[in-house]
């Protein structure tokens, strides 16, 4: 493409961008004029969460018996 064609393409894209921004501004103005929108409560806000108490007692060492099989590497060596 020649320099003039490149400039024409850039100008065309810039004109399209300006047109779309204008449309977006009009849409925002209409939405603001229609009044405040109250958002619907999210599922996370409406779901009840149960608190789980974690004891301060140390964990049983039997929980870590096969921990080397979890892909973290063997003890006393570096992980891959």
N, C-alpha and C. Protein backbone atom coordinates (compact mmCIF):
# COMPACT_ATOMS: atom_id res chain seq x y z
N UNK A 1 0.84 -1.17 0.00
CA UNK A 1 0.00 0.00 0.00
C UNK A 1 0.89 1.24 0.00
N UNK A 2 0.41 2.24 -0.66
CA UNK A 2 1.16 3.48 -0.69
C UNK A 2 0.88 4.28 0.57
N UNK A 3 1.65 5.31 0.76
CA UNK A 3 1.50 6.17 1.93
C UNK A 3 0.12 6.82 1.95
N UNK A 4 -0.38 7.24 0.80
CA UNK A 4 -1.69 7.87 0.72
C UNK A 4 -2.80 6.89 1.07
N UNK A 5 -2.67 5.65 0.60
CA UNK A 5 -3.68 4.64 0.91
C UNK A 5 -3.68 4.33 2.41
N UNK A 6 -2.48 4.27 3.00
CA UNK A 6 -2.40 4.03 4.44
C UNK A 6 -3.07 5.16 5.21
N UNK A 7 -2.82 6.40 4.82
CA UNK A 7 -3.44 7.54 5.49
C UNK A 7 -4.95 7.53 5.33
N UNK A 8 -5.42 7.16 4.15
CA UNK A 8 -6.86 7.10 3.91
C UNK A 8 -7.50 6.01 4.78
N UNK A 9 -6.83 4.88 4.91
CA UNK A 9 -7.35 3.79 5.74
C UNK A 9 -7.39 4.21 7.21
N UNK A 10 -6.35 4.88 7.67
CA UNK A 10 -6.32 5.35 9.05
C UNK A 10 -7.41 6.37 9.29
N UNK A 11 -7.60 7.29 8.35
CA UNK A 11 -8.64 8.31 8.48
C UNK A 11 -10.02 7.67 8.52
N UNK A 12 -10.23 6.65 7.69
CA UNK A 12 -11.51 5.96 7.67
C UNK A 12 -11.78 5.29 9.02
N UNK A 13 -10.77 4.63 9.56
CA UNK A 13 -10.93 3.98 10.86
C UNK A 13 -11.16 4.99 11.97
N UNK A 14 -10.47 6.10 11.90
CA UNK A 14 -10.64 7.15 12.89
C UNK A 14 -12.05 7.74 12.83
N UNK A 15 -12.56 7.95 11.63
CA UNK A 15 -13.93 8.44 11.48
C UNK A 15 -14.94 7.46 12.06
N UNK A 16 -14.71 6.17 11.83
CA UNK A 16 -15.59 5.14 12.37
C UNK A 16 -15.53 5.14 13.90
N UNK A 17 -14.35 5.31 14.46
CA UNK A 17 -14.20 5.36 15.90
C UNK A 17 -14.95 6.55 16.48
N UNK A 18 -14.81 7.71 15.87
CA UNK A 18 -15.50 8.91 16.33
C UNK A 18 -17.01 8.71 16.27
N UNK A 19 -17.50 8.08 15.22
CA UNK A 19 -18.93 7.82 15.08
C UNK A 19 -19.42 6.89 16.20
N UNK A 20 -18.66 5.84 16.47
CA UNK A 20 -19.07 4.88 17.50
C UNK A 20 -19.02 5.48 18.90
N UNK A 21 -18.02 6.32 19.15
CA UNK A 21 -17.95 6.99 20.46
C UNK A 21 -19.15 7.91 20.63
N UNK A 22 -19.55 8.59 19.55
CA UNK A 22 -20.74 9.44 19.61
C UNK A 22 -21.98 8.63 19.94
N UNK A 23 -22.12 7.47 19.32
CA UNK A 23 -23.26 6.60 19.62
C UNK A 23 -23.23 6.14 21.08
N UNK A 24 -22.05 5.80 21.56
CA UNK A 24 -21.92 5.37 22.95
C UNK A 24 -22.29 6.50 23.91
N UNK A 25 -21.87 7.71 23.62
CA UNK A 25 -22.23 8.85 24.46
C UNK A 25 -23.74 9.06 24.49
N UNK A 26 -24.39 8.92 23.34
CA UNK A 26 -25.85 9.07 23.29
C UNK A 26 -26.53 7.98 24.12
N UNK A 27 -26.03 6.76 24.05
CA UNK A 27 -26.60 5.66 24.82
C UNK A 27 -26.45 5.93 26.31
N UNK A 28 -25.28 6.40 26.72
CA UNK A 28 -25.05 6.69 28.13
C UNK A 28 -25.97 7.82 28.59
N UNK A 29 -26.12 8.84 27.77
CA UNK A 29 -27.02 9.95 28.12
C UNK A 29 -28.45 9.46 28.30
N UNK A 30 -28.92 8.57 27.41
CA UNK A 30 -30.27 8.03 27.53
C UNK A 30 -30.42 7.21 28.80
N UNK A 31 -29.41 6.43 29.12
CA UNK A 31 -29.48 5.61 30.33
C UNK A 31 -29.49 6.48 31.58
N UNK A 32 -28.71 7.53 31.58
CA UNK A 32 -28.71 8.44 32.73
C UNK A 32 -30.04 9.16 32.87
N UNK A 33 -30.66 9.50 31.75
CA UNK A 33 -31.93 10.22 31.79
C UNK A 33 -33.07 9.31 32.26
N UNK A 34 -32.93 8.01 32.07
CA UNK A 34 -34.00 7.10 32.45
C UNK A 34 -34.04 6.86 33.95
N UNK A 35 -33.08 7.34 34.69
CA UNK A 35 -33.09 7.20 36.14
C UNK A 35 -32.10 6.17 36.62
N UNK A 36 -31.95 6.13 37.92
CA UNK A 36 -30.97 5.19 38.48
C UNK A 36 -31.43 3.75 38.30
N UNK A 37 -30.48 2.91 38.07
CA UNK A 37 -30.76 1.49 37.89
C UNK A 37 -30.28 0.79 39.15
N UNK A 38 -31.18 0.00 39.75
CA UNK A 38 -30.78 -0.76 40.92
C UNK A 38 -30.32 -2.13 40.46
N UNK A 39 -29.07 -2.46 40.73
CA UNK A 39 -28.58 -3.76 40.26
C UNK A 39 -29.23 -4.91 41.03
N UNK A 40 -29.41 -5.99 40.33
CA UNK A 40 -29.97 -7.18 40.95
C UNK A 40 -28.94 -7.77 41.89
N UNK A 41 -29.37 -8.28 43.01
CA UNK A 41 -28.39 -8.86 43.94
C UNK A 41 -27.73 -10.08 43.31
N UNK A 42 -26.44 -10.18 43.52
CA UNK A 42 -25.71 -11.30 42.94
C UNK A 42 -25.99 -12.57 43.74
N UNK A 43 -25.70 -13.70 43.14
CA UNK A 43 -25.92 -14.97 43.83
C UNK A 43 -25.00 -15.08 45.04
N UNK A 44 -23.82 -14.52 44.93
CA UNK A 44 -22.89 -14.59 46.06
C UNK A 44 -23.42 -13.80 47.24
N UNK A 45 -24.08 -12.69 46.97
CA UNK A 45 -24.59 -11.85 48.05
C UNK A 45 -25.81 -12.49 48.70
N UNK A 46 -26.58 -13.24 47.93
CA UNK A 46 -27.80 -13.83 48.48
C UNK A 46 -27.56 -15.19 49.12
N UNK A 47 -26.46 -15.84 48.78
CA UNK A 47 -26.19 -17.16 49.34
C UNK A 47 -25.74 -17.02 50.79
N UNK A 48 -26.26 -17.89 51.62
CA UNK A 48 -25.86 -17.88 53.02
C UNK A 48 -24.58 -18.69 53.15
N UNK A 49 -23.65 -18.13 53.86
CA UNK A 49 -22.40 -18.84 54.09
C UNK A 49 -22.35 -19.31 55.53
N UNK A 50 -21.91 -20.51 55.70
CA UNK A 50 -21.76 -21.06 57.04
C UNK A 50 -20.31 -20.93 57.44
N UNK A 51 -20.09 -20.47 58.64
CA UNK A 51 -18.74 -20.35 59.15
C UNK A 51 -18.26 -21.70 59.64
N UNK A 52 -17.03 -22.03 59.32
CA UNK A 52 -16.44 -23.27 59.75
C UNK A 52 -15.34 -22.93 60.74
N UNK A 53 -15.43 -23.50 61.91
CA UNK A 53 -14.42 -23.26 62.93
C UNK A 53 -13.27 -24.23 62.72
N UNK A 54 -12.07 -23.68 62.63
CA UNK A 54 -10.88 -24.51 62.45
C UNK A 54 -10.18 -24.60 63.80
N UNK A 55 -9.99 -25.80 64.30
CA UNK A 55 -9.38 -25.94 65.62
C UNK A 55 -7.91 -25.55 65.60
N UNK A 56 -7.39 -25.13 66.75
CA UNK A 56 -5.99 -24.77 66.89
C UNK A 56 -5.09 -25.98 67.13
N UNK A 57 -5.69 -27.12 67.36
CA UNK A 57 -4.90 -28.33 67.62
C UNK A 57 -4.11 -28.71 66.38
N UNK A 58 -2.92 -29.26 66.55
CA UNK A 58 -2.12 -29.65 65.38
C UNK A 58 -2.80 -30.79 64.61
N UNK A 59 -2.54 -30.82 63.30
CA UNK A 59 -3.11 -31.88 62.47
C UNK A 59 -2.43 -33.20 62.77
N UNK A 60 -3.16 -34.27 62.51
CA UNK A 60 -2.62 -35.61 62.68
C UNK A 60 -1.57 -35.85 61.59
N UNK A 61 -0.39 -36.35 61.95
CA UNK A 61 0.67 -36.61 60.97
C UNK A 61 0.28 -37.64 59.93
N UNK A 62 -0.72 -38.46 60.20
CA UNK A 62 -1.17 -39.47 59.23
C UNK A 62 -1.76 -38.80 57.99
N UNK A 63 -2.17 -37.55 58.09
CA UNK A 63 -2.70 -36.84 56.92
C UNK A 63 -1.64 -36.63 55.85
N UNK A 64 -0.37 -36.60 56.24
CA UNK A 64 0.70 -36.27 55.31
C UNK A 64 1.48 -37.50 54.87
N UNK A 65 0.97 -38.69 55.14
CA UNK A 65 1.70 -39.94 54.87
C UNK A 65 2.12 -40.06 53.41
N UNK A 66 1.21 -39.88 52.46
CA UNK A 66 1.51 -40.05 51.04
C UNK A 66 1.59 -38.71 50.31
N UNK A 67 2.08 -37.70 50.97
CA UNK A 67 2.10 -36.38 50.35
C UNK A 67 3.07 -36.30 49.18
N UNK A 68 4.05 -37.21 49.11
CA UNK A 68 4.99 -37.19 47.99
C UNK A 68 4.32 -37.56 46.68
N UNK A 69 3.15 -38.19 46.74
CA UNK A 69 2.44 -38.61 45.54
C UNK A 69 1.63 -37.50 44.91
N UNK A 70 1.65 -36.31 45.48
CA UNK A 70 0.78 -35.24 45.00
C UNK A 70 1.42 -34.37 43.93
N UNK A 71 2.55 -34.77 43.39
CA UNK A 71 3.17 -34.02 42.30
C UNK A 71 4.01 -32.86 42.76
N UNK A 72 4.27 -32.76 44.05
CA UNK A 72 5.07 -31.66 44.56
C UNK A 72 6.53 -32.05 44.71
N UNK A 73 6.87 -33.27 44.41
CA UNK A 73 8.26 -33.70 44.53
C UNK A 73 8.48 -34.49 45.79
N UNK A 74 9.64 -35.06 45.88
CA UNK A 74 10.01 -35.86 47.03
C UNK A 74 10.66 -34.96 48.07
N UNK A 75 10.43 -35.24 49.32
CA UNK A 75 11.04 -34.44 50.39
C UNK A 75 12.55 -34.45 50.25
N UNK A 76 13.17 -33.37 50.66
CA UNK A 76 14.62 -33.20 50.61
C UNK A 76 15.17 -33.07 49.20
N UNK A 77 14.32 -32.92 48.21
CA UNK A 77 14.77 -32.67 46.84
C UNK A 77 13.96 -31.52 46.27
N UNK A 78 14.47 -30.90 45.24
CA UNK A 78 13.77 -29.77 44.62
C UNK A 78 12.66 -30.27 43.70
N UNK A 79 11.59 -29.50 43.64
CA UNK A 79 10.51 -29.82 42.72
C UNK A 79 10.99 -29.55 41.30
N UNK A 80 10.42 -30.25 40.33
CA UNK A 80 10.86 -30.06 38.92
C UNK A 80 10.58 -28.67 38.42
